[in-house]
């Protein structure tokens, strides 16, 4: 089975809404981290320019990736600099540590 890794960096204030939407869409699992950084949008009033965002990482079957990306964009879009970004990457292999086996469908 082919997998994709979705990494979404979103505003902290939409993080809970994104989390709830993923759970209602039966996404089997994801990782949520609070992060700091800057890119297109930087806090120029801060000495280090860093802004706070949330990073969501999801491993899914390739055919589910586009629908999940659309769900995240629907919730996370505000239309302002700093809305975030989403990257979708191919995953060569996934292993389950508990069973020491390659994951399959």
N, C-alpha and C. Protein backbone atom coordinates (compact mmCIF):
# COMPACT_ATOMS: atom_id res chain seq x y z
N UNK A 1 0.84 -1.18 0.00
CA UNK A 1 0.00 0.00 0.00
C UNK A 1 0.89 1.24 0.00
N UNK A 2 0.48 2.25 -0.70
CA UNK A 2 1.21 3.50 -0.74
C UNK A 2 0.68 4.44 0.34
N UNK A 3 1.62 5.10 1.02
CA UNK A 3 1.27 6.03 2.09
C UNK A 3 1.76 7.43 1.76
N UNK A 4 1.16 8.40 2.42
CA UNK A 4 1.59 9.79 2.33
C UNK A 4 1.74 10.33 3.75
N UNK A 5 2.67 11.27 3.91
CA UNK A 5 2.81 11.99 5.17
C UNK A 5 2.33 13.41 4.92
N UNK A 6 1.33 13.82 5.70
CA UNK A 6 0.81 15.18 5.62
C UNK A 6 1.38 15.94 6.81
N UNK A 7 2.03 17.05 6.53
CA UNK A 7 2.50 17.94 7.59
C UNK A 7 1.81 19.27 7.39
N UNK A 8 1.04 19.69 8.38
CA UNK A 8 0.33 20.96 8.31
C UNK A 8 0.82 21.85 9.44
N UNK A 9 1.16 23.08 9.09
CA UNK A 9 1.52 24.08 10.09
C UNK A 9 0.41 25.12 10.05
N UNK A 10 -0.30 25.25 11.16
CA UNK A 10 -1.50 26.11 11.22
C UNK A 10 -1.42 27.05 12.42
N UNK A 11 -2.25 28.06 12.39
CA UNK A 11 -2.35 29.00 13.51
C UNK A 11 -2.81 28.24 14.76
N UNK A 12 -2.31 28.64 15.91
CA UNK A 12 -2.69 27.99 17.16
C UNK A 12 -4.19 28.12 17.44
N UNK A 13 -4.78 29.25 17.04
CA UNK A 13 -6.18 29.47 17.36
C UNK A 13 -7.14 28.59 16.55
N UNK A 14 -6.66 27.93 15.50
CA UNK A 14 -7.52 27.00 14.75
C UNK A 14 -7.17 25.55 15.04
N UNK A 15 -6.16 25.34 15.85
CA UNK A 15 -5.65 24.00 16.14
C UNK A 15 -6.75 23.07 16.68
N UNK A 16 -7.51 23.52 17.66
CA UNK A 16 -8.56 22.68 18.24
C UNK A 16 -9.63 22.32 17.21
N UNK A 17 -9.97 23.27 16.35
CA UNK A 17 -10.98 23.01 15.32
C UNK A 17 -10.48 21.97 14.31
N UNK A 18 -9.21 22.08 13.93
CA UNK A 18 -8.63 21.11 13.01
C UNK A 18 -8.62 19.73 13.65
N UNK A 19 -8.21 19.67 14.91
CA UNK A 19 -8.17 18.40 15.65
C UNK A 19 -9.55 17.76 15.68
N UNK A 20 -10.57 18.53 16.01
CA UNK A 20 -11.93 18.00 16.08
C UNK A 20 -12.40 17.51 14.71
N UNK A 21 -12.09 18.26 13.66
CA UNK A 21 -12.51 17.85 12.31
C UNK A 21 -11.84 16.54 11.91
N UNK A 22 -10.56 16.40 12.20
CA UNK A 22 -9.86 15.15 11.86
C UNK A 22 -10.47 13.97 12.60
N UNK A 23 -10.85 14.17 13.86
CA UNK A 23 -11.46 13.09 14.63
C UNK A 23 -12.84 12.74 14.08
N UNK A 24 -13.62 13.72 13.65
CA UNK A 24 -14.95 13.42 13.10
C UNK A 24 -14.85 12.76 11.74
N UNK A 25 -13.73 12.96 11.04
CA UNK A 25 -13.51 12.32 9.73
C UNK A 25 -12.80 10.98 9.88
N UNK A 26 -12.69 10.50 11.12
CA UNK A 26 -12.12 9.18 11.42
C UNK A 26 -10.66 9.01 10.97
N UNK A 27 -9.89 10.09 11.06
CA UNK A 27 -8.46 9.96 10.82
C UNK A 27 -7.91 9.10 11.96
N UNK A 28 -7.21 8.03 11.61
CA UNK A 28 -6.82 7.01 12.59
C UNK A 28 -5.79 7.48 13.60
N UNK A 29 -5.03 8.51 13.29
CA UNK A 29 -4.05 9.01 14.24
C UNK A 29 -3.30 10.18 13.67
N UNK A 30 -2.84 11.04 14.53
CA UNK A 30 -2.02 12.17 14.13
C UNK A 30 -1.22 12.65 15.32
N UNK A 31 -0.19 13.43 15.04
CA UNK A 31 0.65 14.01 16.07
C UNK A 31 0.47 15.52 16.01
N UNK A 32 0.32 16.14 17.17
CA UNK A 32 0.13 17.58 17.26
C UNK A 32 1.22 18.15 18.14
N UNK A 33 1.96 19.12 17.62
CA UNK A 33 3.05 19.76 18.37
C UNK A 33 2.88 21.27 18.30
N UNK A 34 3.23 21.94 19.36
CA UNK A 34 3.26 23.40 19.33
C UNK A 34 4.69 23.80 19.00
N UNK A 35 4.81 24.69 18.01
CA UNK A 35 6.12 25.04 17.47
C UNK A 35 6.27 26.55 17.38
N UNK A 36 7.50 26.99 17.17
CA UNK A 36 7.79 28.40 16.92
C UNK A 36 8.68 28.48 15.70
N UNK A 37 8.49 29.53 14.92
CA UNK A 37 9.32 29.74 13.75
C UNK A 37 8.83 30.95 12.99
N UNK A 38 9.42 31.18 11.83
CA UNK A 38 8.92 32.23 10.95
C UNK A 38 9.19 31.86 9.51
N UNK A 39 8.40 32.41 8.64
CA UNK A 39 8.53 32.17 7.21
C UNK A 39 7.94 33.36 6.49
N UNK A 40 6.85 33.12 5.75
CA UNK A 40 6.19 34.22 5.04
C UNK A 40 5.78 35.31 6.04
N UNK A 41 5.36 34.88 7.23
CA UNK A 41 4.94 35.83 8.25
C UNK A 41 5.91 35.75 9.42
N UNK A 42 6.43 36.90 9.82
CA UNK A 42 7.34 36.98 10.96
C UNK A 42 6.83 38.05 11.90
N UNK A 43 7.01 37.85 13.19
CA UNK A 43 6.64 38.84 14.19
C UNK A 43 7.78 39.83 14.33
N UNK A 44 7.73 40.88 13.54
CA UNK A 44 8.82 41.85 13.51
C UNK A 44 8.94 42.65 14.80
N UNK A 45 7.92 42.56 15.66
CA UNK A 45 7.97 43.25 16.96
C UNK A 45 8.71 42.42 18.00
N UNK A 46 8.95 41.18 17.71
CA UNK A 46 9.68 40.29 18.61
C UNK A 46 11.17 40.33 18.25
N UNK A 47 12.02 40.22 19.24
CA UNK A 47 13.46 40.28 18.98
C UNK A 47 13.95 39.12 18.11
N UNK A 48 13.26 37.98 18.15
CA UNK A 48 13.69 36.83 17.35
C UNK A 48 12.78 36.55 16.15
N UNK A 49 11.74 37.35 15.94
CA UNK A 49 10.78 37.26 14.83
C UNK A 49 9.88 36.03 14.90
N UNK A 50 10.05 35.18 15.90
CA UNK A 50 9.33 33.90 15.93
C UNK A 50 7.85 34.08 16.24
N UNK A 51 7.03 33.26 15.59
CA UNK A 51 5.60 33.20 15.88
C UNK A 51 5.26 31.78 16.34
N UNK A 52 4.19 31.65 17.09
CA UNK A 52 3.75 30.33 17.56
C UNK A 52 2.73 29.76 16.59
N UNK A 53 2.90 28.51 16.27
CA UNK A 53 1.98 27.77 15.41
C UNK A 53 1.84 26.36 15.95
N UNK A 54 0.97 25.58 15.33
CA UNK A 54 0.82 24.17 15.66
C UNK A 54 1.21 23.36 14.43
N UNK A 55 1.87 22.23 14.65
CA UNK A 55 2.25 21.33 13.56
C UNK A 55 1.49 20.03 13.74
N UNK A 56 0.81 19.61 12.69
CA UNK A 56 0.06 18.37 12.70
C UNK A 56 0.70 17.44 11.67
N UNK A 57 1.02 16.23 12.10
CA UNK A 57 1.62 15.24 11.20
C UNK A 57 0.71 14.02 11.14
N UNK A 58 0.45 13.56 9.92
CA UNK A 58 -0.49 12.46 9.71
C UNK A 58 0.09 11.52 8.66
N UNK A 59 0.06 10.22 8.92
CA UNK A 59 0.40 9.21 7.93
C UNK A 59 -0.90 8.55 7.49
N UNK A 60 -1.16 8.58 6.18
CA UNK A 60 -2.41 8.03 5.66
C UNK A 60 -2.17 7.29 4.36
N UNK A 61 -3.14 6.48 4.00
CA UNK A 61 -3.11 5.85 2.69
C UNK A 61 -3.14 6.94 1.63
N UNK A 62 -2.42 6.74 0.54
CA UNK A 62 -2.28 7.76 -0.50
C UNK A 62 -3.62 8.28 -0.99
N UNK A 63 -4.60 7.39 -1.12
CA UNK A 63 -5.90 7.82 -1.66
C UNK A 63 -6.71 8.68 -0.69
N UNK A 64 -6.33 8.74 0.58
CA UNK A 64 -7.03 9.56 1.57
C UNK A 64 -6.41 10.94 1.73
N UNK A 65 -5.21 11.14 1.23
CA UNK A 65 -4.44 12.36 1.51
C UNK A 65 -5.15 13.62 1.04
N UNK A 66 -5.63 13.65 -0.19
CA UNK A 66 -6.21 14.88 -0.73
C UNK A 66 -7.45 15.31 0.06
N UNK A 67 -8.29 14.38 0.45
CA UNK A 67 -9.49 14.72 1.22
C UNK A 67 -9.13 15.31 2.58
N UNK A 68 -8.09 14.76 3.21
CA UNK A 68 -7.66 15.27 4.52
C UNK A 68 -7.06 16.67 4.37
N UNK A 69 -6.28 16.88 3.32
CA UNK A 69 -5.73 18.21 3.07
C UNK A 69 -6.85 19.23 2.89
N UNK A 70 -7.89 18.88 2.14
CA UNK A 70 -9.03 19.79 1.93
C UNK A 70 -9.72 20.12 3.26
N UNK A 71 -9.88 19.13 4.12
CA UNK A 71 -10.51 19.36 5.43
C UNK A 71 -9.69 20.34 6.26
N UNK A 72 -8.37 20.14 6.28
CA UNK A 72 -7.50 21.03 7.05
C UNK A 72 -7.58 22.45 6.50
N UNK A 73 -7.51 22.59 5.17
CA UNK A 73 -7.57 23.92 4.57
C UNK A 73 -8.90 24.61 4.84
N UNK A 74 -9.99 23.85 4.81
CA UNK A 74 -11.31 24.44 5.09
C UNK A 74 -11.35 25.07 6.47
N UNK A 75 -10.77 24.41 7.46
CA UNK A 75 -10.80 24.92 8.83
C UNK A 75 -9.73 25.98 9.06
N UNK A 76 -8.52 25.78 8.53
CA UNK A 76 -7.38 26.63 8.87
C UNK A 76 -7.31 27.93 8.07
N UNK A 77 -8.02 28.03 6.97
CA UNK A 77 -7.93 29.22 6.13
C UNK A 77 -8.62 30.42 6.78
N UNK A 78 -7.84 31.48 6.99
CA UNK A 78 -8.38 32.75 7.47
C UNK A 78 -8.23 33.81 6.39
N UNK A 79 -7.24 33.62 5.51
CA UNK A 79 -7.01 34.55 4.42
C UNK A 79 -5.99 35.63 4.74
N UNK A 80 -5.19 35.39 5.77
CA UNK A 80 -4.18 36.37 6.19
C UNK A 80 -2.79 35.74 6.19
N UNK A 81 -1.74 36.57 6.06
CA UNK A 81 -0.39 36.02 6.19
C UNK A 81 -0.26 35.28 7.53
N UNK A 82 0.40 34.15 7.50
CA UNK A 82 0.55 33.35 8.72
C UNK A 82 -0.47 32.25 8.85
N UNK A 83 -1.34 32.08 7.84
CA UNK A 83 -2.31 30.98 7.88
C UNK A 83 -1.63 29.63 7.99
N UNK A 84 -0.43 29.50 7.42
CA UNK A 84 0.31 28.25 7.51
C UNK A 84 0.51 27.61 6.16
N UNK A 85 0.88 26.34 6.20
CA UNK A 85 1.10 25.59 4.98
C UNK A 85 0.89 24.11 5.23
N UNK A 86 0.74 23.38 4.12
CA UNK A 86 0.56 21.93 4.19
C UNK A 86 1.50 21.30 3.16
N UNK A 87 2.24 20.30 3.58
CA UNK A 87 3.10 19.54 2.68
C UNK A 87 2.62 18.09 2.66
N UNK A 88 2.59 17.50 1.48
CA UNK A 88 2.23 16.09 1.33
C UNK A 88 3.43 15.41 0.68
N UNK A 89 3.96 14.41 1.39
CA UNK A 89 5.16 13.72 0.92
C UNK A 89 4.90 12.23 0.77
N UNK A 90 5.51 11.60 -0.23
CA UNK A 90 5.39 10.14 -0.35
C UNK A 90 6.17 9.48 0.78
N UNK A 91 5.67 8.35 1.23
CA UNK A 91 6.33 7.57 2.29
C UNK A 91 6.74 6.24 1.67
N UNK A 92 8.01 5.94 1.77
CA UNK A 92 8.50 4.70 1.16
C UNK A 92 8.02 3.47 1.93
N UNK A 93 8.19 3.49 3.26
CA UNK A 93 7.79 2.34 4.07
C UNK A 93 7.41 2.83 5.46
N UNK A 94 6.41 2.19 6.06
CA UNK A 94 6.02 2.45 7.45
C UNK A 94 6.19 1.15 8.23
N UNK A 95 6.78 1.26 9.41
CA UNK A 95 6.95 0.10 10.27
C UNK A 95 6.24 0.34 11.60
N UNK A 96 5.62 -0.67 12.13
CA UNK A 96 5.03 -0.61 13.46
C UNK A 96 6.08 -1.16 14.42
N UNK A 97 6.52 -0.31 15.35
CA UNK A 97 7.58 -0.71 16.27
C UNK A 97 7.15 -1.87 17.16
N UNK A 98 5.91 -1.83 17.65
CA UNK A 98 5.42 -2.87 18.55
C UNK A 98 5.58 -4.27 17.97
N UNK A 99 5.22 -4.42 16.70
CA UNK A 99 5.25 -5.74 16.08
C UNK A 99 6.50 -5.96 15.23
N UNK A 100 7.30 -4.91 15.08
CA UNK A 100 8.50 -4.96 14.26
C UNK A 100 8.20 -5.38 12.83
N UNK A 101 7.02 -4.96 12.35
CA UNK A 101 6.61 -5.37 11.02
C UNK A 101 6.25 -4.15 10.16
N UNK A 102 6.34 -4.38 8.87
CA UNK A 102 5.95 -3.34 7.93
C UNK A 102 4.43 -3.22 7.94
N UNK A 103 3.95 -2.01 7.91
CA UNK A 103 2.50 -1.79 7.92
C UNK A 103 1.92 -2.02 6.53
N UNK A 104 0.75 -2.59 6.52
CA UNK A 104 0.03 -2.79 5.27
C UNK A 104 -1.45 -2.47 5.52
N UNK A 105 -2.20 -2.49 4.47
CA UNK A 105 -3.63 -2.13 4.58
C UNK A 105 -4.38 -3.04 5.51
